[in-house]
Amino acid sequence: MTKQGSIAVVGLGYVGLPLAVLAAKKGFTVVGYDIDAKKVDLINQGIPPIEDATLARDLTPGLITASTDPSVVATVNTVVVAVPTPVTPKKEPDLTALTNSVKSILPHLTSGQLLSIESTINPGVMETLVLPILATRTDLAVDIVHCPERVNPGDAKWTVRNIPRVIGGLTPQATKRGREFYESILDAPVKEMATMTEAEAVKILENTFRDVNIAFINEMAKSFDKLGIDITHVIAGAATKPFSFLPHFPGNGVGGHCISVDPYYMIERGRQAGFNHEFLKLARHINDSMPAYTVSLLSDVLTPLQKQPKDTTVAMLGLSYKKNIDDTRESPAFEIKHLLEKAGYVVRVFDPHVLDQSTVRSLDEALEGAHVVMVATDHAEFMDGLTAEALTQKGISIVIDGKNALDADSITAAGITYRGIGRRR
C-alpha cells in the first residue's frame, strides 16, 4: 500500500464503518482498527455487524481491511478516529474510548499524517485531552483536525455521503487539508471553522437544540392531555406558519448516541467553566421522565377498571431507539420495560431488529393472549401489523402508543382503548 489515497478508520461502528465503506467506494485504500475481534471478522467477510441497508449493499469481502492491530495506522496518509463518547450511569462524560484509542495508535502514527477526530466531544476536549496525549510524542508532526460526525441511522435520504460537515484544525494548514480530504469523500460541502473548539461546539449546539425542543413539545403534550387537546393536530396546525416554527414531536423518550448524551457533555463543560446550564438540565429532566409518563398512561386506564398489573399481560413492542434499525443505545424502551416489570405487569418484548434481546420471536407470539399493546418503537413491521382488525382478533383491549404512530381513530372505533403521548380517543 502506498500512503497517498489511503485511510485508517479507528472505530468501526455506526459512524466509522459507513465512512470507511464510503471512502473505499470513492477509490481510497481503507484499513480499519477496532478492538472487537468478532466485528473485525465479520467486516473482513463482507458482513455488516450493524443493520444498515447501504452497508448491506456495499460492504463486500476485501473492500476494506479490518484489524485488531493498531499498527495498521502507520501505513496510511489519513487517520480518522470515530469511537463512541457515551455518558456514565451518573450522566457524566465518559471519554475512556477516545483516550484509549488515541493512546493505542500513538506509537504507530507517523509525521506528515492527517489526524481527524470525529467522536462527539464538548468544547475543549481536543485541547485538554487529545493534544496532551499527542504531545508525548515529541518527534511527531501531524496535522490535527476535529470534524464532528453527522450520521442519521436508518435515513435513506441523509447519509454519511451527503450530510454537510464542519471542520476545525489546530492550524489553518490543518483545517484546509482536512476540508480537502473530506470533500474528496463526501458529496456535500465542508465548512471551515475558525478553531477546533468552534467545531466541537457546533455538534453540541445542534444536538442540544433538538433536545430542548423535544422537551418543550413533550411538556406541551402532557399539558394538552390534561386539557383534552390532541397535540398532533395542534402541531400540524402550527406547521402551516411558513416561518419561525419548526415542528418537533412528542414521544416516550429520547434515545440514541447524540441527543440523549451530548447535553450532558455541555452541562459538565459549563460546570467546569463556572456556568450552570439550567435550561439544558431541565430539558434532560423532562425527556428522561417520558418513559415513566408512558407507563403511567397504562395505569390511568387500568385503575378505573380495577384491573391489577399482575393480571395484565403487556406486549411491549420495540427496543431500538429509532424505527427500522437495530441501534439500542440509550433507548428509552429499556426504562419502559424496567418500569413495567417493577410495577408487576407480565411483559413480553418483541423487536424484529433486536431479536437477541426479545422474549418472543414474532409479533403474533407477542400479541397472543396479551391484554395491552405498548408501542415503544414505531418499526414498519408494527405499523403494518397493528391494524384495528388485527388487534381485535387478538383480543387486545388497550393500546399505549408511545410514538403516536398508529391509526388512533380506527383503533378506537373498534372498541379498543387508545392512549398516545398528548393524544387520546
Protein backbone atom coordinates (compact mmCIF):
# COMPACT_ATOMS: atom_id res chain seq x y z
CA MET A 1 0.00 0.00 0.00
CA THR A 2 1.18 3.48 -0.77
CA LYS A 3 0.27 6.23 1.66
CA GLN A 4 -1.26 8.52 -0.92
CA GLY A 5 -5.01 7.95 -1.05
CA SER A 6 -5.03 5.67 1.98
CA ILE A 7 -7.13 5.97 5.13
CA ALA A 8 -7.30 4.24 8.51
CA VAL A 9 -10.58 4.42 10.41
CA VAL A 10 -10.33 3.81 14.15
CA GLY A 11 -13.65 2.51 15.47
CA LEU A 12 -15.83 0.53 13.06
CA GLY A 13 -19.27 1.20 14.47
CA TYR A 14 -22.30 3.23 13.41
CA VAL A 15 -20.06 6.17 12.42
CA GLY A 16 -16.72 4.71 11.41
CA LEU A 17 -17.83 1.79 9.26
CA PRO A 18 -20.13 3.75 6.91
CA LEU A 19 -17.33 6.31 6.45
CA ALA A 20 -14.79 3.57 5.75
CA VAL A 21 -17.04 1.92 3.17
CA LEU A 22 -17.84 5.26 1.52
CA ALA A 23 -14.13 6.11 1.25
CA ALA A 24 -13.37 2.71 -0.25
CA LYS A 25 -16.17 3.16 -2.79
CA LYS A 26 -14.61 6.52 -3.69
CA GLY A 27 -11.35 4.76 -4.56
CA PHE A 28 -9.33 5.12 -1.34
CA THR A 29 -7.42 2.20 0.14
CA VAL A 30 -9.01 1.74 3.56
CA VAL A 31 -7.93 -0.12 6.67
CA GLY A 32 -9.91 -0.23 9.88
CA TYR A 33 -8.93 -0.74 13.50
CA ASP A 34 -11.34 -1.95 16.17
CA ILE A 35 -10.85 -3.77 19.47
CA ASP A 36 -13.86 -6.04 18.80
CA ALA A 37 -12.45 -9.17 17.13
CA LYS A 38 -15.89 -10.52 16.23
CA LYS A 39 -16.79 -7.28 14.48
CA VAL A 40 -13.48 -7.25 12.61
CA ASP A 41 -14.01 -10.83 11.41
CA LEU A 42 -17.49 -10.06 10.10
CA ILE A 43 -16.30 -6.97 8.24
CA ASN A 44 -13.50 -8.89 6.56
CA GLN A 45 -16.11 -11.40 5.39
CA GLY A 46 -18.17 -8.55 3.93
CA ILE A 47 -20.88 -8.90 6.58
CA PRO A 48 -22.03 -5.67 8.29
CA PRO A 49 -22.05 -6.06 12.10
CA ILE A 50 -24.81 -3.42 12.28
CA GLU A 51 -28.12 -3.12 10.47
CA ASP A 52 -27.72 -0.68 7.60
CA ALA A 53 -29.19 -1.06 4.12
CA THR A 54 -26.32 0.79 2.43
CA LEU A 55 -23.69 -1.31 4.20
CA ALA A 56 -25.58 -4.49 3.33
CA ARG A 57 -25.36 -3.47 -0.32
CA ASP A 58 -21.85 -2.00 -0.47
CA LEU A 59 -19.70 -3.91 2.04
CA THR A 60 -18.05 -6.80 0.22
CA PRO A 61 -15.13 -9.05 1.19
CA GLY A 62 -11.87 -7.20 0.65
CA LEU A 63 -13.42 -3.77 0.17
CA ILE A 64 -11.72 -2.66 3.40
CA THR A 65 -9.26 -4.48 5.60
CA ALA A 66 -10.20 -4.58 9.28
CA SER A 67 -7.80 -5.44 12.08
CA THR A 68 -7.46 -5.52 15.86
CA ASP A 69 -3.87 -4.34 15.47
CA PRO A 70 -3.43 -0.56 15.91
CA SER A 71 -0.21 -0.61 13.90
CA VAL A 72 -2.27 -0.55 10.69
CA VAL A 73 -2.50 3.23 11.07
CA ALA A 74 1.21 3.52 10.23
CA THR A 75 0.59 2.62 6.59
CA VAL A 76 -1.81 5.43 5.67
CA ASN A 77 -1.92 9.10 4.87
CA THR A 78 -5.01 9.95 6.91
CA VAL A 79 -6.27 8.59 10.25
CA VAL A 80 -9.88 9.11 11.34
CA VAL A 81 -10.92 8.35 14.93
CA ALA A 82 -14.63 7.61 15.30
CA VAL A 83 -15.10 5.90 18.65
CA PRO A 84 -18.11 6.36 20.95
CA THR A 85 -18.22 9.00 23.68
CA PRO A 86 -21.10 7.94 25.95
CA VAL A 87 -22.04 9.03 29.45
CA THR A 88 -21.59 7.11 32.69
CA PRO A 89 -24.55 5.83 34.75
CA LYS A 90 -24.21 9.11 36.66
CA LYS A 91 -24.68 11.04 33.39
CA GLU A 92 -21.10 12.26 33.32
CA PRO A 93 -18.99 12.32 30.12
CA ASP A 94 -17.10 9.08 29.50
CA LEU A 95 -14.07 9.75 27.31
CA THR A 96 -12.43 6.40 28.03
CA ALA A 97 -12.78 5.03 24.49
CA LEU A 98 -11.39 8.21 22.95
CA THR A 99 -8.48 8.34 25.36
CA ASN A 100 -7.64 4.67 24.88
CA SER A 101 -7.90 4.79 21.10
CA VAL A 102 -5.60 7.81 20.75
CA LYS A 103 -3.10 6.22 23.12
CA SER A 104 -3.24 2.90 21.26
CA ILE A 105 -2.48 4.41 17.86
CA LEU A 106 0.02 6.98 19.13
CA PRO A 107 3.14 4.75 18.81
CA HIS A 108 2.20 3.99 15.21
CA LEU A 109 1.43 7.48 13.92
CA THR A 110 3.95 8.96 11.52
CA SER A 111 4.87 12.55 10.76
CA GLY A 112 3.04 14.10 7.84
CA GLN A 113 -0.25 12.31 8.51
CA LEU A 114 -3.63 13.99 8.85
CA LEU A 115 -5.36 13.01 12.09
CA SER A 116 -9.09 13.69 12.33
CA ILE A 117 -11.13 13.16 15.49
CA GLU A 118 -14.81 12.60 14.61
CA SER A 119 -16.04 11.49 18.04
CA THR A 120 -18.59 13.86 19.54
CA ILE A 121 -16.93 15.88 22.30
CA ASN A 122 -17.65 19.01 24.26
CA PRO A 123 -15.73 22.23 23.60
CA GLY A 124 -12.19 21.97 24.92
CA VAL A 125 -11.60 18.20 24.73
CA MET A 126 -9.27 18.45 21.75
CA GLU A 127 -7.17 20.99 23.61
CA THR A 128 -7.20 19.43 27.07
CA LEU A 129 -7.25 15.70 26.26
CA VAL A 130 -6.22 14.84 22.71
CA LEU A 131 -3.38 17.32 22.20
CA PRO A 132 -1.62 16.49 25.51
CA ILE A 133 -1.61 12.78 24.58
CA LEU A 134 -0.16 13.53 21.17
CA ALA A 135 2.40 15.90 22.71
CA THR A 136 4.08 12.97 24.45
CA ARG A 137 5.49 12.05 21.04
CA THR A 138 7.92 14.93 20.66
CA ASP A 139 9.12 13.50 17.35
CA LEU A 140 5.65 13.53 15.83
CA ALA A 141 4.38 16.24 13.47
CA VAL A 142 0.83 15.62 12.24
CA ASP A 143 -1.99 17.85 11.03
CA ILE A 144 -4.76 17.64 13.64
CA VAL A 145 -8.42 18.43 13.00
CA HIS A 146 -11.80 17.88 14.56
CA CYS A 147 -14.65 17.04 12.17
CA PRO A 148 -17.66 16.02 14.30
CA GLU A 149 -19.56 13.10 12.85
CA ARG A 150 -23.00 13.54 11.41
CA VAL A 151 -24.99 10.38 10.76
CA ASN A 152 -28.70 9.66 10.89
CA PRO A 153 -29.16 5.89 11.21
CA GLY A 154 -31.98 4.49 9.15
CA ASP A 155 -32.33 7.61 6.99
CA ALA A 156 -32.22 6.73 3.30
CA LYS A 157 -32.10 10.37 2.21
CA TRP A 158 -29.48 11.89 4.52
CA THR A 159 -26.47 9.61 4.83
CA VAL A 160 -22.79 9.94 5.68
CA ARG A 161 -22.27 10.63 1.97
CA ASN A 162 -24.39 13.79 1.60
CA ILE A 163 -24.72 15.42 5.02
CA PRO A 164 -22.67 18.67 5.14
CA ARG A 165 -19.87 18.78 7.69
CA VAL A 166 -17.83 21.32 9.63
CA ILE A 167 -14.13 21.15 10.43
CA GLY A 168 -11.66 22.96 12.63
CA GLY A 169 -7.91 22.39 12.80
CA LEU A 170 -5.02 23.13 15.10
CA THR A 171 -3.55 25.28 12.31
CA PRO A 172 -5.02 26.91 9.17
CA GLN A 173 -2.99 24.43 7.14
CA ALA A 174 -4.55 21.51 9.00
CA THR A 175 -8.05 22.92 8.53
CA LYS A 176 -7.53 23.36 4.79
CA ARG A 177 -6.04 19.90 4.41
CA GLY A 178 -8.86 18.35 6.42
CA ARG A 179 -11.52 20.12 4.37
CA GLU A 180 -9.96 18.94 1.13
CA PHE A 181 -9.80 15.38 2.45
CA TYR A 182 -13.48 15.27 3.44
CA GLU A 183 -14.58 16.97 0.24
CA SER A 184 -12.81 14.21 -1.69
CA ILE A 185 -15.03 11.63 0.04
CA LEU A 186 -18.35 13.40 0.59
CA ASP A 187 -20.90 14.69 -1.88
CA ALA A 188 -21.54 17.64 0.42
CA PRO A 189 -19.87 20.90 1.44
CA VAL A 190 -17.47 21.12 4.36
CA LYS A 191 -17.44 24.40 6.28
CA GLU A 192 -14.20 25.58 7.85
CA MET A 193 -14.50 26.80 11.43
CA ALA A 194 -12.01 29.22 12.97
CA THR A 195 -10.83 26.76 15.63
CA MET A 196 -11.19 23.16 16.77
CA THR A 197 -13.16 24.42 19.75
CA GLU A 198 -15.74 26.02 17.47
CA ALA A 199 -16.08 22.74 15.58
CA GLU A 200 -16.62 20.90 18.87
CA ALA A 201 -19.26 23.44 19.87
CA VAL A 202 -21.21 23.04 16.60
CA LYS A 203 -22.13 19.42 17.30
CA ILE A 204 -23.06 20.16 20.90
CA LEU A 205 -25.23 23.11 19.85
CA GLU A 206 -27.17 21.24 17.16
CA ASN A 207 -27.95 18.28 19.41
CA THR A 208 -28.86 20.31 22.50
CA PHE A 209 -31.13 22.39 20.24
CA ARG A 210 -33.05 19.25 19.35
CA ASP A 211 -33.15 18.01 22.94
CA VAL A 212 -34.55 21.29 24.24
CA ASN A 213 -37.21 21.46 21.53
CA ILE A 214 -38.25 17.86 22.08
CA ALA A 215 -38.50 18.56 25.81
CA PHE A 216 -40.72 21.56 25.09
CA ILE A 217 -43.08 19.51 22.92
CA ASN A 218 -43.11 16.67 25.45
CA GLU A 219 -44.15 19.08 28.19
CA MET A 220 -46.84 20.56 25.95
CA ALA A 221 -48.08 17.03 25.21
CA LYS A 222 -48.52 16.36 28.92
CA SER A 223 -50.36 19.63 29.35
CA PHE A 224 -52.60 19.17 26.30
CA ASP A 225 -53.50 15.68 27.51
CA LYS A 226 -54.93 17.24 30.67
CA LEU A 227 -56.87 19.72 28.53
CA GLY A 228 -58.21 17.08 26.15
CA ILE A 229 -56.35 18.55 23.16
CA ASP A 230 -54.72 16.32 20.54
CA ILE A 231 -51.19 17.70 20.22
CA THR A 232 -50.62 16.05 16.84
CA HIS A 233 -53.44 18.15 15.40
CA VAL A 234 -52.04 21.30 17.00
CA ILE A 235 -48.53 20.66 15.64
CA ALA A 236 -49.96 20.18 12.15
CA GLY A 237 -51.80 23.47 12.51
CA ALA A 238 -48.78 25.37 13.82
CA ALA A 239 -46.64 23.97 10.99
CA THR A 240 -48.73 25.88 8.46
CA LYS A 241 -46.89 29.02 9.56
CA PRO A 242 -44.12 29.40 6.96
CA PHE A 243 -41.59 30.95 9.34
CA SER A 244 -40.45 30.85 12.99
CA PHE A 245 -41.87 27.40 13.73
CA LEU A 246 -40.02 24.10 13.38
CA PRO A 247 -42.15 21.01 14.09
CA HIS A 248 -40.93 18.64 16.79
CA PHE A 249 -42.90 15.67 18.01
CA PRO A 250 -43.55 14.12 21.43
CA GLY A 251 -42.70 10.55 22.33
CA ASN A 252 -41.90 8.09 25.07
CA GLY A 253 -38.33 9.34 25.50
CA VAL A 254 -35.17 10.37 23.68
CA GLY A 255 -32.57 7.79 22.74
CA GLY A 256 -29.55 7.38 20.51
CA HIS A 257 -25.94 8.27 20.99
CA CYS A 258 -26.26 12.01 20.33
CA ILE A 259 -29.37 13.84 21.51
CA SER A 260 -29.67 11.98 24.80
CA VAL A 261 -25.93 12.23 25.53
CA ASP A 262 -24.46 15.48 24.21
CA PRO A 263 -26.36 17.84 26.55
CA TYR A 264 -24.63 16.17 29.49
CA TYR A 265 -21.26 16.94 27.91
CA MET A 266 -22.19 20.61 27.67
CA ILE A 267 -23.64 20.66 31.19
CA GLU A 268 -20.39 19.29 32.58
CA ARG A 269 -18.21 21.59 30.48
CA GLY A 270 -20.26 24.55 31.64
CA ARG A 271 -19.87 23.46 35.25
CA GLN A 272 -16.09 23.26 34.82
CA ALA A 273 -16.12 26.81 33.44
CA GLY A 274 -18.29 28.09 36.28
CA PHE A 275 -21.59 28.18 34.39
CA ASN A 276 -24.82 26.41 35.36
CA HIS A 277 -26.86 25.19 32.35
CA GLU A 278 -30.30 25.31 33.95
CA PHE A 279 -32.17 25.08 30.65
CA LEU A 280 -30.26 22.01 29.45
CA LYS A 281 -30.73 20.27 32.78
CA LEU A 282 -34.47 20.91 32.69
CA ALA A 283 -34.75 19.58 29.14
CA ARG A 284 -32.90 16.44 30.13
CA HIS A 285 -35.17 16.03 33.18
CA ILE A 286 -38.31 16.33 31.05
CA ASN A 287 -37.13 13.94 28.35
CA ASP A 288 -35.86 11.43 30.90
CA SER A 289 -39.31 11.50 32.54
CA MET A 290 -41.13 10.30 29.43
CA PRO A 291 -40.74 6.52 29.95
CA ALA A 292 -42.38 6.84 33.35
CA TYR A 293 -45.09 9.06 31.90
CA THR A 294 -45.78 6.48 29.19
CA VAL A 295 -46.17 3.71 31.77
CA SER A 296 -48.43 5.97 33.84
CA LEU A 297 -50.84 6.17 30.89
CA LEU A 298 -51.45 2.45 31.26
CA SER A 299 -52.01 2.79 34.99
CA ASP A 300 -54.51 5.60 34.36
CA VAL A 301 -56.51 3.32 32.07
CA LEU A 302 -56.41 0.26 34.30
CA THR A 303 -57.31 1.97 37.58
CA PRO A 304 -60.99 2.60 36.77
CA LEU A 305 -61.26 -0.98 35.52
CA GLN A 306 -59.93 -2.29 38.86
CA LYS A 307 -57.50 -4.48 36.93
CA GLN A 308 -54.22 -5.32 38.65
CA PRO A 309 -50.83 -5.26 36.92
CA LYS A 310 -50.14 -8.88 37.90
CA ASP A 311 -53.24 -9.91 35.93
CA THR A 312 -52.26 -7.82 32.88
CA THR A 313 -50.04 -9.07 30.07
CA VAL A 314 -48.32 -6.31 28.10
CA ALA A 315 -46.91 -6.85 24.62
CA MET A 316 -44.10 -4.28 24.61
CA LEU A 317 -43.07 -3.68 21.02
CA GLY A 318 -39.66 -2.25 20.23
CA LEU A 319 -36.26 -1.96 21.88
CA SER A 320 -34.21 0.16 19.48
CA TYR A 321 -34.30 3.90 19.98
CA LYS A 322 -35.50 4.58 16.44
CA LYS A 323 -37.64 2.84 13.86
CA ASN A 324 -36.31 0.28 11.41
CA ILE A 325 -32.79 -0.01 12.87
CA ASP A 326 -31.09 -2.22 15.46
CA ASP A 327 -29.40 0.58 17.44
CA THR A 328 -30.42 0.34 21.10
CA ARG A 329 -28.01 2.92 22.51
CA GLU A 330 -29.72 4.98 25.23
CA SER A 331 -33.10 3.66 24.10
CA PRO A 332 -35.96 4.68 26.43
CA ALA A 333 -37.58 1.30 25.73
CA PHE A 334 -35.37 -0.36 28.34
CA GLU A 335 -36.55 2.02 31.05
CA ILE A 336 -40.16 1.39 29.98
CA LYS A 337 -39.59 -2.35 30.26
CA HIS A 338 -37.98 -1.92 33.69
CA LEU A 339 -40.84 0.20 34.98
CA LEU A 340 -43.49 -2.21 33.66
CA GLU A 341 -41.79 -5.17 35.33
CA LYS A 342 -41.24 -3.20 38.54
CA ALA A 343 -44.97 -2.41 38.64
CA GLY A 344 -45.76 -6.12 38.36
CA TYR A 345 -47.01 -6.37 34.77
CA VAL A 346 -46.41 -9.56 32.79
CA VAL A 347 -44.22 -8.27 29.97
CA ARG A 348 -43.47 -9.81 26.59
CA VAL A 349 -40.89 -7.99 24.50
CA PHE A 350 -40.52 -8.18 20.74
CA ASP A 351 -38.31 -6.23 18.36
CA PRO A 352 -37.72 -7.73 14.91
CA HIS A 353 -34.47 -5.79 14.67
CA VAL A 354 -33.22 -6.79 18.15
CA LEU A 355 -34.19 -10.44 18.41
CA ASP A 356 -31.36 -11.32 20.76
CA GLN A 357 -33.00 -9.22 23.50
CA SER A 358 -36.61 -10.07 22.66
CA THR A 359 -38.51 -12.55 24.84
CA VAL A 360 -40.68 -13.82 21.96
CA ARG A 361 -39.83 -14.43 18.31
CA SER A 362 -42.70 -12.84 16.42
CA LEU A 363 -45.35 -10.14 16.57
CA ASP A 364 -48.04 -12.80 16.53
CA GLU A 365 -46.50 -14.51 19.55
CA ALA A 366 -46.23 -11.19 21.38
CA LEU A 367 -49.91 -10.39 20.83
CA GLU A 368 -51.33 -13.83 21.54
CA GLY A 369 -53.17 -13.66 24.87
CA ALA A 370 -51.95 -10.14 25.68
CA HIS A 371 -54.28 -7.52 27.11
CA VAL A 372 -52.21 -4.45 26.28
CA VAL A 373 -50.03 -3.34 23.39
CA MET A 374 -47.37 -0.78 24.27
CA VAL A 375 -45.56 0.64 21.24
CA ALA A 376 -42.06 1.68 22.28
CA THR A 377 -40.57 1.86 18.76
CA ASP A 378 -42.50 2.56 15.57
CA HIS A 379 -40.95 -0.10 13.33
CA ALA A 380 -42.60 -0.56 9.94
CA GLU A 381 -43.44 -4.14 10.89
CA PHE A 382 -45.57 -2.85 13.76
CA MET A 383 -47.30 -0.19 11.70
CA ASP A 384 -48.27 -2.83 9.13
CA GLY A 385 -49.31 -5.44 11.70
CA LEU A 386 -51.13 -3.39 14.34
CA THR A 387 -54.33 -2.69 12.45
CA ALA A 388 -57.62 -2.36 14.30
CA GLU A 389 -58.71 -5.67 12.81
CA ALA A 390 -55.56 -7.49 13.89
CA LEU A 391 -55.74 -6.07 17.41
CA THR A 392 -59.39 -7.05 17.71
CA GLN A 393 -58.70 -10.59 16.54
CA LYS A 394 -56.03 -10.96 19.22
CA GLY A 395 -58.33 -9.62 21.93
CA ILE A 396 -56.23 -6.54 22.69
CA SER A 397 -58.27 -4.14 24.82
CA ILE A 398 -55.74 -1.32 25.41
CA VAL A 399 -53.14 0.34 23.19
CA ILE A 400 -50.49 2.68 24.61
CA ASP A 401 -48.83 4.31 21.62
CA GLY A 402 -45.51 5.76 22.77
CA LYS A 403 -44.74 7.04 19.28
CA ASN A 404 -48.16 8.37 18.23
CA ALA A 405 -47.73 6.23 15.14
CA LEU A 406 -50.90 4.13 14.95
CA ASP A 407 -54.32 4.90 13.48
CA ALA A 408 -55.98 6.08 16.69
CA ASP A 409 -59.39 6.66 15.11
CA SER A 410 -59.79 3.16 13.67
CA ILE A 411 -58.47 1.54 16.83
CA THR A 412 -60.92 3.46 18.99
CA ALA A 413 -63.76 2.73 16.56
CA ALA A 414 -63.04 -0.96 17.09
CA GLY A 415 -63.76 -0.55 20.81
CA ILE A 416 -60.13 -0.57 21.91
CA THR A 417 -58.92 2.00 24.43
CA TYR A 418 -56.18 4.13 22.87
CA ARG A 419 -53.75 6.48 24.59
CA GLY A 420 -50.82 8.25 22.96
CA ILE A 421 -48.38 10.93 24.05
CA GLY A 422 -50.55 14.03 24.09
CA ARG A 423 -53.41 12.37 22.25
CA ARG A 424 -56.35 10.21 23.25
CA ARG A 425 -59.57 8.98 21.70
